[in-house]
């Protein structure tokens, strides 16, 4: 454990940030999975879920929680799936 006051504060901040980042990552995963499941089950609300998931992913990328290229890749996967599902 840190002895210096500023080091203790940094440790507290790191824990707080880790919790926040983990929650955001889990929100991204959850939104992505829900959207993919909706597309697979041909849910009529799939388009809305995909838009919502894209929004959550973009916000996480803007905050630096996930890399911007990963965010673009995930969003691309979602839109590619939904467009192919609509064609069938």
C-alpha atoms as a PDB file:
ATOM      1  CA  UNK A   1       0.000   0.000   0.000  1.00  0.00           C
ATOM      2  CA  UNK A   2       1.176   3.486  -0.792  1.00  0.00           C
ATOM      3  CA  UNK A   3       2.450   5.693   2.011  1.00  0.00           C
ATOM      4  CA  UNK A   4       2.459   9.065   0.316  1.00  0.00           C
ATOM      5  CA  UNK A   5      -0.816  10.964   0.298  1.00  0.00           C
ATOM      6  CA  UNK A   6      -0.778  11.651  -3.456  1.00  0.00           C
ATOM      7  CA  UNK A   7       0.007   7.998  -4.202  1.00  0.00           C
ATOM      8  CA  UNK A   8      -2.962   6.917  -2.088  1.00  0.00           C
ATOM      9  CA  UNK A   9      -5.193   9.302  -4.016  1.00  0.00           C
ATOM     10  CA  UNK A  10      -3.883   7.987  -7.354  1.00  0.00           C
ATOM     11  CA  UNK A  11      -4.622   4.426  -6.198  1.00  0.00           C
ATOM     12  CA  UNK A  12      -8.201   5.405  -5.291  1.00  0.00           C
ATOM     13  CA  UNK A  13      -8.642   7.118  -8.648  1.00  0.00           C
ATOM     14  CA  UNK A  14      -7.277   4.092 -10.488  1.00  0.00           C
ATOM     15  CA  UNK A  15      -9.816   1.826  -8.801  1.00  0.00           C
ATOM     16  CA  UNK A  16     -12.639   4.214  -9.648  1.00  0.00           C
ATOM     17  CA  UNK A  17     -11.538   4.481 -13.285  1.00  0.00           C
ATOM     18  CA  UNK A  18     -11.146   0.723 -13.590  1.00  0.00           C
ATOM     19  CA  UNK A  19     -14.725   0.177 -12.384  1.00  0.00           C
ATOM     20  CA  UNK A  20     -16.064   2.810 -14.783  1.00  0.00           C
ATOM     21  CA  UNK A  21     -14.107   1.435 -17.746  1.00  0.00           C
ATOM     22  CA  UNK A  22     -15.119  -2.137 -16.981  1.00  0.00           C
ATOM     23  CA  UNK A  23     -18.784  -1.139 -16.787  1.00  0.00           C
ATOM     24  CA  UNK A  24     -18.507   0.607 -20.148  1.00  0.00           C
ATOM     25  CA  UNK A  25     -16.784  -2.406 -21.722  1.00  0.00           C
ATOM     26  CA  UNK A  26     -19.489  -4.696 -20.437  1.00  0.00           C
ATOM     27  CA  UNK A  27     -22.153  -2.339 -21.824  1.00  0.00           C
ATOM     28  CA  UNK A  28     -20.466  -2.559 -25.235  1.00  0.00           C
ATOM     29  CA  UNK A  29     -20.376  -6.351 -25.113  1.00  0.00           C
ATOM     30  CA  UNK A  30     -23.972  -6.570 -23.933  1.00  0.00           C
ATOM     31  CA  UNK A  31     -25.280  -4.186 -26.602  1.00  0.00           C
ATOM     32  CA  UNK A  32     -23.324  -6.009 -29.326  1.00  0.00           C
ATOM     33  CA  UNK A  33     -24.613  -9.421 -28.238  1.00  0.00           C
ATOM     34  CA  UNK A  34     -28.225  -8.209 -27.985  1.00  0.00           C
ATOM     35  CA  UNK A  35     -28.054  -6.698 -31.472  1.00  0.00           C
ATOM     36  CA  UNK A  36     -26.498  -9.839 -32.970  1.00  0.00           C
ATOM     37  CA  UNK A  37     -29.098 -12.038 -31.291  1.00  0.00           C
ATOM     38  CA  UNK A  38     -31.910  -9.807 -32.575  1.00  0.00           C
ATOM     39  CA  UNK A  39     -30.533 -10.029 -36.106  1.00  0.00           C
ATOM     40  CA  UNK A  40     -30.201 -13.814 -35.871  1.00  0.00           C
ATOM     41  CA  UNK A  41     -33.759 -14.228 -34.571  1.00  0.00           C
ATOM     42  CA  UNK A  42     -35.142 -11.812 -37.211  1.00  0.00           C
ATOM     43  CA  UNK A  43     -36.555  -9.540 -34.534  1.00  0.00           C
ATOM     44  CA  UNK A  44     -38.465  -6.553 -35.982  1.00  0.00           C
ATOM     45  CA  UNK A  45     -36.674  -4.261 -33.503  1.00  0.00           C
ATOM     46  CA  UNK A  46     -33.245  -5.394 -34.719  1.00  0.00           C
ATOM     47  CA  UNK A  47     -32.542  -2.146 -36.589  1.00  0.00           C
ATOM     48  CA  UNK A  48     -33.161  -0.090 -33.450  1.00  0.00           C
ATOM     49  CA  UNK A  49     -30.963  -2.391 -31.358  1.00  0.00           C
ATOM     50  CA  UNK A  50     -28.186  -2.100 -33.940  1.00  0.00           C
ATOM     51  CA  UNK A  51     -28.379   1.708 -33.859  1.00  0.00           C
ATOM     52  CA  UNK A  52     -28.326   1.673 -30.058  1.00  0.00           C
ATOM     53  CA  UNK A  53     -25.356  -0.710 -30.014  1.00  0.00           C
ATOM     54  CA  UNK A  54     -23.505   1.482 -32.511  1.00  0.00           C
ATOM     55  CA  UNK A  55     -24.107   4.475 -30.261  1.00  0.00           C
ATOM     56  CA  UNK A  56     -22.798   2.672 -27.165  1.00  0.00           C
ATOM     57  CA  UNK A  57     -19.734   1.440 -29.071  1.00  0.00           C
ATOM     58  CA  UNK A  58     -18.992   4.926 -30.455  1.00  0.00           C
ATOM     59  CA  UNK A  59     -19.234   6.497 -27.011  1.00  0.00           C
ATOM     60  CA  UNK A  60     -16.828   3.936 -25.569  1.00  0.00           C
ATOM     61  CA  UNK A  61     -14.370   4.655 -28.377  1.00  0.00           C
ATOM     62  CA  UNK A  62     -14.643   8.415 -27.837  1.00  0.00           C
ATOM     63  CA  UNK A  63     -13.811   7.967 -24.164  1.00  0.00           C
ATOM     64  CA  UNK A  64     -10.822   5.788 -25.063  1.00  0.00           C
ATOM     65  CA  UNK A  65     -12.245   2.693 -23.409  1.00  0.00           C
ATOM     66  CA  UNK A  66     -11.949   0.685 -26.610  1.00  0.00           C
ATOM     67  CA  UNK A  67      -9.766   1.449 -29.620  1.00  0.00           C
ATOM     68  CA  UNK A  68     -11.439   3.419 -32.392  1.00  0.00           C
ATOM     69  CA  UNK A  69     -10.572   0.773 -34.997  1.00  0.00           C
ATOM     70  CA  UNK A  70     -12.174  -1.916 -32.859  1.00  0.00           C
ATOM     71  CA  UNK A  71     -15.267   0.244 -32.536  1.00  0.00           C
ATOM     72  CA  UNK A  72     -15.461   0.757 -36.298  1.00  0.00           C
ATOM     73  CA  UNK A  73     -14.985  -2.994 -36.850  1.00  0.00           C
ATOM     74  CA  UNK A  74     -17.772  -3.931 -34.417  1.00  0.00           C
ATOM     75  CA  UNK A  75     -20.178  -1.409 -35.939  1.00  0.00           C
ATOM     76  CA  UNK A  76     -19.287  -2.605 -39.425  1.00  0.00           C
ATOM     77  CA  UNK A  77     -20.015  -6.197 -38.411  1.00  0.00           C
ATOM     78  CA  UNK A  78     -23.419  -5.202 -37.082  1.00  0.00           C
ATOM     79  CA  UNK A  79     -24.473  -3.246 -40.152  1.00  0.00           C
ATOM     80  CA  UNK A  80     -23.160  -5.911 -42.501  1.00  0.00           C
ATOM     81  CA  UNK A  81     -25.193  -8.577 -40.686  1.00  0.00           C
ATOM     82  CA  UNK A  82     -28.376  -6.534 -40.685  1.00  0.00           C
ATOM     83  CA  UNK A  83     -28.135  -5.615 -44.371  1.00  0.00           C
ATOM     84  CA  UNK A  84     -27.613  -9.254 -45.374  1.00  0.00           C
ATOM     85  CA  UNK A  85     -30.496 -10.284 -43.104  1.00  0.00           C
ATOM     86  CA  UNK A  86     -32.790  -7.744 -44.780  1.00  0.00           C
ATOM     87  CA  UNK A  87     -31.908  -9.052 -48.244  1.00  0.00           C
ATOM     88  CA  UNK A  88     -32.958 -12.601 -47.362  1.00  0.00           C
END
